[in-house]
Amino acid sequence: MCVAKRQIPVVLVGGFLGAGKTTMLNHLLRNNRGIRIGVIVNDFGAVNIDSMMVAGQVDSMMSLSNGCLCCAVDVSDMDEMIDRLADSDLDVIVVEASGLAEPRNMVRLILGTKNPNVTYGGLVMLVDGTQFEEAAERHPELAQHIGIADLVVLNKTDGLSEDRLEILGKTLRSFNDRAPVVYTEHGRIDPAILFDQGEDRGPAAGEQLTLDQLMLDQDHDDSCDGHEHLHSSYRAVDFDSTRPIHPRRLVSFLEDRPAGLYRIKGYVHFDVPGQTRKFEVQTVGPHIRFSTSRWEPGHDRVTQLVLIGVDVDTDEVLARLEECVVGDGEEPGSDTMLGVHRYTVTA
């Protein structure tokens, strides 16, 4: 049986110069938890990885000793490099946008890609908590950039007062009232918010460079272990149901989800006339995607979802999902699948 290749999420990281994009990228590479990360940066010269000895080279791809890949491209070459990385044994591709890049164009590039091996993994916008007003004055488009983000990271919050944090939080939510806001220091964001944990499979195949000294700018401990992100609580909520799900009510939930949710993934069972397929659902921010496959013979047809977010009200999430379960005597018609079909992609 031919098994389709799992799609690789492409996560875009934006933010103006000094917001902390590179610091967060370094943190993700050091705390990748067995994830194979493909990294695309606009300019190696802006990244503190001098040990790669290829600073400034464009269209270069280097194998890192932890199994990740790193490359540098011009914006015009982004699509080509994503195609190249998509053919590698990676779990996620992270694109660090130039501080002057237009994130809307980069989002469109990923959403419009014809490469079946990649999928949109969300736009993460970093904001400098210490220089917010100055950045907003220099870059009036900041509000627009935050407005299209799927996740907002308010960085450099150490030392800011409670009143200051409250004001900044309200301002960010006025720009974007649907994206979760993570408050953090030194770019320390839990990788599990952005992508799934993988298994350590040893060195990647292909040419290797010994880069064990990569990312040694550790003037402080960058480990997530034991570190509670300021004002933020990452949470994963599990939902299982042996009863079928009402398609129309689930789509309504996905389109108007509880506050704080960033990602949703899993499988859904719809007991609708003429519908026998297994539906996989993946969401990032407001972007919803269903794909279909066959149920495995002998396996129960159940719904299993994992919902990931920041400061999520677990009780609210579970209560609203329970409302999506088909009740006794209910028989959803085939017309209830219209919303699901609107978000379903074909292989």
Protein backbone atom coordinates (compact mmCIF):
# COMPACT_ATOMS: atom_id res chain seq x y z
CA MET A 1 0.00 0.00 0.00
CA CYS A 2 1.35 3.43 -0.94
CA VAL A 3 1.49 5.78 2.02
CA ALA A 4 1.28 9.49 1.26
CA LYS A 5 4.16 11.57 2.50
CA ARG A 6 3.31 13.62 5.54
CA GLN A 7 3.10 17.31 4.77
CA ILE A 8 5.77 19.52 6.32
CA PRO A 9 4.43 22.66 8.03
CA VAL A 10 6.15 25.92 7.05
CA VAL A 11 6.21 28.35 9.99
CA LEU A 12 6.92 32.00 9.17
CA VAL A 13 8.63 34.14 11.83
CA GLY A 14 8.29 37.90 11.33
CA GLY A 15 9.06 41.04 13.26
CA PHE A 16 11.08 44.21 12.77
CA LEU A 17 14.79 44.48 13.43
CA GLY A 18 15.62 43.85 17.07
CA ALA A 19 12.38 42.11 17.99
CA GLY A 20 14.23 38.88 18.77
CA LYS A 21 13.58 36.65 15.74
CA THR A 22 17.09 35.24 15.61
CA THR A 23 17.19 34.68 19.38
CA MET A 24 13.96 32.70 19.15
CA LEU A 25 15.26 30.76 16.17
CA ASN A 26 18.43 29.86 18.06
CA HIS A 27 16.31 28.77 21.02
CA LEU A 28 14.18 26.51 18.83
CA LEU A 29 17.27 24.86 17.33
CA ARG A 30 18.78 24.25 20.78
CA ASN A 31 15.54 22.88 22.17
CA ASN A 32 14.25 20.98 19.15
CA ARG A 33 13.36 17.81 21.12
CA GLY A 34 14.24 15.49 18.29
CA ILE A 35 12.55 17.61 15.63
CA ARG A 36 14.25 17.88 12.26
CA ILE A 37 14.05 21.61 11.51
CA GLY A 38 14.71 23.19 8.15
CA VAL A 39 15.67 26.84 8.64
CA ILE A 40 15.50 29.50 5.95
CA VAL A 41 16.96 32.92 6.68
CA ASN A 42 17.21 35.92 4.40
CA ASP A 43 20.80 36.70 5.29
CA PHE A 44 23.30 34.65 7.26
CA GLY A 45 25.06 37.86 8.19
CA ALA A 46 22.13 38.71 10.48
CA VAL A 47 22.33 35.38 12.31
CA ASN A 48 24.84 34.51 15.00
CA ILE A 49 26.06 31.30 13.38
CA ASP A 50 29.52 32.31 12.24
CA SER A 51 30.77 28.74 12.83
CA MET A 52 29.02 27.74 9.62
CA MET A 53 31.78 29.54 7.71
CA VAL A 54 29.39 30.42 4.92
CA ALA A 55 28.09 33.76 6.17
CA GLY A 56 26.45 35.72 3.40
CA GLN A 57 26.33 32.90 0.87
CA VAL A 58 23.00 32.80 -0.91
CA ASP A 59 21.28 29.55 -1.87
CA SER A 60 23.43 27.45 0.44
CA MET A 61 22.09 24.47 2.34
CA MET A 62 24.08 23.05 5.24
CA SER A 63 23.44 19.92 7.30
CA LEU A 64 23.68 20.62 11.01
CA SER A 65 25.02 18.08 13.46
CA ASN A 66 21.64 17.79 15.22
CA GLY A 67 19.93 16.62 12.04
CA CYS A 68 18.54 20.03 11.11
CA LEU A 69 19.22 21.95 7.94
CA CYS A 70 20.00 25.64 7.50
CA CYS A 71 20.04 27.69 4.33
CA ALA A 72 20.13 31.29 3.17
CA VAL A 73 18.13 32.70 0.30
CA ASP A 74 16.95 35.88 -1.29
CA VAL A 75 13.20 36.39 -1.03
CA SER A 76 12.87 35.69 -4.75
CA ASP A 77 14.40 32.24 -4.19
CA MET A 78 12.18 31.33 -1.24
CA ASP A 79 9.78 29.09 -3.15
CA GLU A 80 12.62 27.15 -4.75
CA MET A 81 14.34 26.58 -1.41
CA ILE A 82 11.12 25.44 0.23
CA ASP A 83 10.75 22.91 -2.59
CA ARG A 84 14.27 21.66 -1.94
CA LEU A 85 13.75 21.37 1.80
CA ALA A 86 10.41 19.63 1.27
CA ASP A 87 12.30 16.76 -0.34
CA SER A 88 14.41 16.35 2.83
CA ASP A 89 13.59 14.25 5.87
CA LEU A 90 12.32 17.19 7.92
CA ASP A 91 9.51 17.68 10.43
CA VAL A 92 9.10 21.44 10.06
CA ILE A 93 10.48 24.35 8.05
CA VAL A 94 10.97 27.67 9.85
CA VAL A 95 11.39 30.79 7.72
CA GLU A 96 12.96 33.77 9.48
CA ALA A 97 11.79 36.76 7.48
CA SER A 98 13.95 39.81 7.04
CA GLY A 99 12.99 42.66 9.35
CA LEU A 100 11.81 44.55 6.28
CA ALA A 101 9.93 41.67 4.66
CA GLU A 102 6.22 41.98 3.96
CA PRO A 103 4.69 39.02 5.86
CA ARG A 104 1.45 39.10 3.86
CA ASN A 105 3.36 38.26 0.67
CA MET A 106 5.21 35.43 2.40
CA VAL A 107 1.95 33.99 3.75
CA ARG A 108 0.49 34.09 0.25
CA LEU A 109 3.57 32.31 -1.07
CA ILE A 110 3.08 29.39 1.31
CA LEU A 111 -0.70 29.24 0.96
CA GLY A 112 -0.35 29.32 -2.80
CA THR A 113 2.41 26.74 -3.12
CA LYS A 114 1.72 23.85 -5.48
CA ASN A 115 4.14 21.61 -3.58
CA PRO A 116 2.00 18.81 -2.09
CA ASN A 117 4.63 18.06 0.56
CA VAL A 118 4.31 21.35 2.47
CA THR A 119 1.49 23.11 4.27
CA TYR A 120 1.09 26.47 5.97
CA GLY A 121 2.26 26.34 9.59
CA GLY A 122 1.32 29.85 10.67
CA LEU A 123 2.73 33.36 10.93
CA VAL A 124 4.44 34.16 14.23
CA MET A 125 5.02 37.88 14.78
CA LEU A 126 7.58 38.98 17.37
CA VAL A 127 7.20 42.34 19.11
CA ASP A 128 9.85 44.07 21.22
CA GLY A 129 8.18 44.87 24.52
CA THR A 130 10.80 47.46 25.43
CA GLN A 131 10.66 49.41 22.16
CA PHE A 132 7.05 48.99 21.06
CA GLU A 133 6.09 52.65 20.63
CA GLU A 134 9.35 53.47 18.86
CA ALA A 135 8.91 50.54 16.46
CA ALA A 136 5.28 51.49 15.78
CA GLU A 137 6.35 55.06 14.98
CA ARG A 138 9.15 53.96 12.65
CA HIS A 139 7.00 51.28 11.04
CA PRO A 140 3.31 52.28 10.82
CA GLU A 141 2.65 48.95 9.12
CA LEU A 142 3.37 47.15 12.41
CA ALA A 143 -0.33 47.11 13.33
CA GLN A 144 -1.19 45.56 9.96
CA HIS A 145 1.49 42.89 10.34
CA ILE A 146 0.24 41.96 13.81
CA GLY A 147 -3.31 41.95 12.46
CA ILE A 148 -2.61 39.01 10.12
CA ALA A 149 -0.50 37.02 12.60
CA ASP A 150 -1.62 33.61 13.82
CA LEU A 151 0.47 33.91 16.99
CA VAL A 152 1.90 37.06 18.59
CA VAL A 153 5.01 36.85 20.77
CA LEU A 154 5.61 39.82 23.05
CA ASN A 155 9.32 39.47 23.69
CA LYS A 156 11.75 41.13 26.13
CA THR A 157 9.14 41.31 28.90
CA ASP A 158 11.66 40.89 31.71
CA GLY A 159 11.74 44.03 33.81
CA LEU A 160 8.46 45.42 32.50
CA SER A 161 5.88 46.35 35.12
CA GLU A 162 2.47 44.70 35.39
CA ASP A 163 0.81 47.92 34.27
CA ARG A 164 3.09 48.15 31.25
CA LEU A 165 2.38 44.54 30.27
CA GLU A 166 -1.35 45.09 30.59
CA ILE A 167 -1.20 48.14 28.31
CA LEU A 168 0.87 46.32 25.71
CA GLY A 169 -1.42 43.31 25.82
CA LYS A 170 -4.51 45.45 25.26
CA THR A 171 -2.82 47.24 22.37
CA LEU A 172 -1.82 44.00 20.67
CA ARG A 173 -5.30 42.57 21.07
CA SER A 174 -6.76 45.75 19.55
CA PHE A 175 -4.68 44.96 16.45
CA ASN A 176 -5.61 41.27 16.47
CA ASP A 177 -8.33 39.93 18.74
CA ARG A 178 -8.10 36.30 17.60
CA ALA A 179 -4.39 35.44 17.83
CA PRO A 180 -3.01 34.12 21.12
CA VAL A 181 -0.39 36.36 22.73
CA VAL A 182 2.69 34.77 24.33
CA TYR A 183 4.66 36.86 26.82
CA THR A 184 8.28 35.76 26.92
CA GLU A 185 11.91 36.65 27.60
CA HIS A 186 14.93 36.07 25.35
CA GLY A 187 12.74 34.45 22.68
CA ARG A 188 12.03 31.45 24.89
CA ILE A 189 8.92 29.92 23.38
CA ASP A 190 7.94 26.30 23.89
CA PRO A 191 8.54 24.51 20.56
CA ALA A 192 5.42 22.40 21.18
CA ILE A 193 3.28 25.46 20.47
CA LEU A 194 4.65 25.68 16.94
CA PHE A 195 5.21 22.08 15.87
CA ASP A 196 4.88 18.47 16.97
CA GLN A 197 7.56 16.66 18.91
CA GLY A 198 9.49 14.09 16.88
CA GLU A 199 11.77 11.21 17.60
CA ASP A 200 15.54 11.43 17.70
CA ARG A 201 16.54 9.44 14.62
CA GLY A 202 20.23 10.18 14.66
CA PRO A 203 22.19 12.15 12.06
CA ALA A 204 20.42 13.07 8.87
CA ALA A 205 21.46 11.38 5.68
CA GLY A 206 23.75 13.23 3.34
CA GLU A 207 26.77 15.46 3.77
CA GLN A 208 27.44 16.43 7.40
CA LEU A 209 29.35 19.30 8.88
CA THR A 210 30.53 19.06 12.49
CA LEU A 211 28.79 22.07 13.94
CA ASP A 212 28.53 21.09 17.60
CA GLN A 213 29.53 24.61 18.53
CA LEU A 214 26.58 26.03 16.64
CA MET A 215 24.44 28.38 18.71
CA LEU A 216 26.89 28.79 21.56
CA ASP A 217 25.66 32.31 22.37
CA GLN A 218 24.36 30.96 25.68
CA ASP A 219 25.06 33.73 28.14
CA HIS A 220 21.95 32.48 29.88
CA ASP A 221 20.26 29.08 30.22
CA ASP A 222 17.84 28.83 27.31
CA SER A 223 16.23 25.59 28.36
CA CYS A 224 12.48 25.38 28.66
CA ASP A 225 12.78 22.88 31.51
CA GLY A 226 11.48 24.38 34.69
CA HIS A 227 10.88 27.74 33.02
CA GLU A 228 7.36 29.12 33.16
CA HIS A 229 6.74 31.68 30.47
CA LEU A 230 5.69 34.98 31.95
CA HIS A 231 1.92 35.50 31.95
CA SER A 232 1.49 32.58 29.57
CA SER A 233 0.42 28.98 30.02
CA TYR A 234 0.92 26.62 27.08
CA ARG A 235 -1.68 23.88 27.14
CA ALA A 236 -2.68 20.90 25.04
CA VAL A 237 -6.28 19.74 25.41
CA ASP A 238 -7.26 16.22 24.33
CA PHE A 239 -10.76 15.41 23.11
CA ASP A 240 -11.99 11.91 22.27
CA SER A 241 -15.46 10.78 21.27
CA THR A 242 -16.82 7.40 20.27
CA ARG A 243 -19.99 9.15 19.10
CA PRO A 244 -19.99 10.77 15.65
CA ILE A 245 -19.50 14.52 15.26
CA HIS A 246 -22.02 16.88 13.70
CA PRO A 247 -20.20 18.42 10.68
CA ARG A 248 -21.95 21.78 10.73
CA ARG A 249 -21.43 22.32 14.46
CA LEU A 250 -17.76 21.34 14.24
CA VAL A 251 -17.14 23.82 11.42
CA SER A 252 -18.85 26.52 13.50
CA PHE A 253 -16.52 25.65 16.38
CA LEU A 254 -13.44 25.84 14.13
CA GLU A 255 -14.49 29.15 12.60
CA ASP A 256 -15.27 30.70 16.00
CA ARG A 257 -13.00 28.86 18.38
CA PRO A 258 -12.41 29.68 22.05
CA ALA A 259 -9.81 32.32 22.87
CA GLY A 260 -6.18 31.26 22.99
CA LEU A 261 -6.33 28.28 20.63
CA TYR A 262 -3.55 28.29 18.04
CA ARG A 263 -3.43 24.79 16.57
CA ILE A 264 -5.92 21.93 16.27
CA LYS A 265 -5.10 18.54 14.82
CA GLY A 266 -6.61 15.10 14.72
CA TYR A 267 -9.18 12.83 13.11
CA VAL A 268 -12.95 13.19 12.94
CA HIS A 269 -15.74 10.67 12.42
CA PHE A 270 -18.80 11.99 10.58
CA ASP A 271 -21.70 9.52 10.43
CA VAL A 272 -23.44 11.11 7.46
CA PRO A 273 -25.29 9.28 4.65
CA GLY A 274 -22.92 8.45 1.82
CA GLN A 275 -19.87 9.53 3.83
CA THR A 276 -17.47 6.75 4.80
CA ARG A 277 -14.13 8.56 4.76
CA LYS A 278 -11.84 9.41 7.66
CA PHE A 279 -11.31 13.17 7.93
CA GLU A 280 -8.06 14.65 9.23
CA VAL A 281 -8.33 18.23 10.44
CA GLN A 282 -5.43 20.67 10.85
CA THR A 283 -5.82 24.31 11.85
CA VAL A 284 -3.33 27.10 12.41
CA GLY A 285 -4.87 30.33 13.57
CA PRO A 286 -7.92 30.95 11.35
CA HIS A 287 -6.67 28.60 8.62
CA ILE A 288 -8.70 25.38 8.48
CA ARG A 289 -7.81 22.32 6.44
CA PHE A 290 -9.47 18.91 6.09
CA SER A 291 -8.03 15.96 4.19
CA THR A 292 -9.43 12.48 3.77
CA SER A 293 -8.26 8.88 3.95
CA ARG A 294 -9.74 5.46 4.58
CA TRP A 295 -10.50 4.06 8.00
CA GLU A 296 -8.27 1.10 8.79
CA PRO A 297 -10.15 -2.20 8.76
CA GLY A 298 -10.99 -3.47 12.21
CA HIS A 299 -10.37 -0.09 13.90
CA ASP A 300 -13.14 1.78 15.68
CA ARG A 301 -14.30 4.96 14.00
CA VAL A 302 -13.68 7.58 16.66
CA THR A 303 -12.86 11.27 16.87
CA GLN A 304 -9.50 12.20 18.41
CA LEU A 305 -8.41 15.83 18.59
CA VAL A 306 -5.54 17.71 20.20
CA LEU A 307 -6.06 21.45 20.71
CA ILE A 308 -2.99 23.58 21.47
CA GLY A 309 -2.92 27.13 22.71
CA VAL A 310 -1.98 29.70 25.30
CA ASP A 311 -4.05 30.54 28.38
CA VAL A 312 -6.78 28.23 27.11
CA ASP A 313 -9.94 27.63 29.15
CA THR A 314 -9.97 23.82 29.05
CA ASP A 315 -13.50 23.51 30.41
CA GLU A 316 -14.87 25.87 27.75
CA VAL A 317 -13.06 24.01 24.96
CA LEU A 318 -14.31 20.60 26.05
CA ALA A 319 -17.85 21.88 26.67
CA ARG A 320 -18.09 23.38 23.20
CA LEU A 321 -16.73 20.23 21.59
CA GLU A 322 -19.26 18.14 23.48
CA GLU A 323 -21.92 20.30 21.84
CA CYS A 324 -20.58 19.10 18.48
CA VAL A 325 -21.33 15.45 19.31
CA VAL A 326 -24.39 14.03 17.57
CA GLY A 327 -27.15 13.48 20.09
CA ASP A 328 -29.54 10.56 20.47
CA GLY A 329 -32.05 10.49 17.66
CA GLU A 330 -30.12 13.02 15.55
CA GLU A 331 -29.40 12.09 11.95
CA PRO A 332 -27.31 14.80 10.22
CA GLY A 333 -28.06 14.96 6.52
CA SER A 334 -25.53 15.06 3.70
CA ASP A 335 -26.05 18.83 3.39
CA THR A 336 -24.37 19.30 6.79
CA MET A 337 -21.03 18.38 5.13
CA LEU A 338 -20.98 21.49 2.94
CA GLY A 339 -18.85 23.46 5.40
CA VAL A 340 -16.39 20.58 5.73
CA HIS A 341 -16.11 20.22 1.95
CA ARG A 342 -15.33 23.95 1.70
CA TYR A 343 -12.14 23.37 3.67
CA THR A 344 -11.24 19.94 2.27
CA VAL A 345 -8.18 19.61 0.06
CA THR A 346 -7.77 16.80 -2.44
CA ALA A 347 -4.60 14.77 -2.66
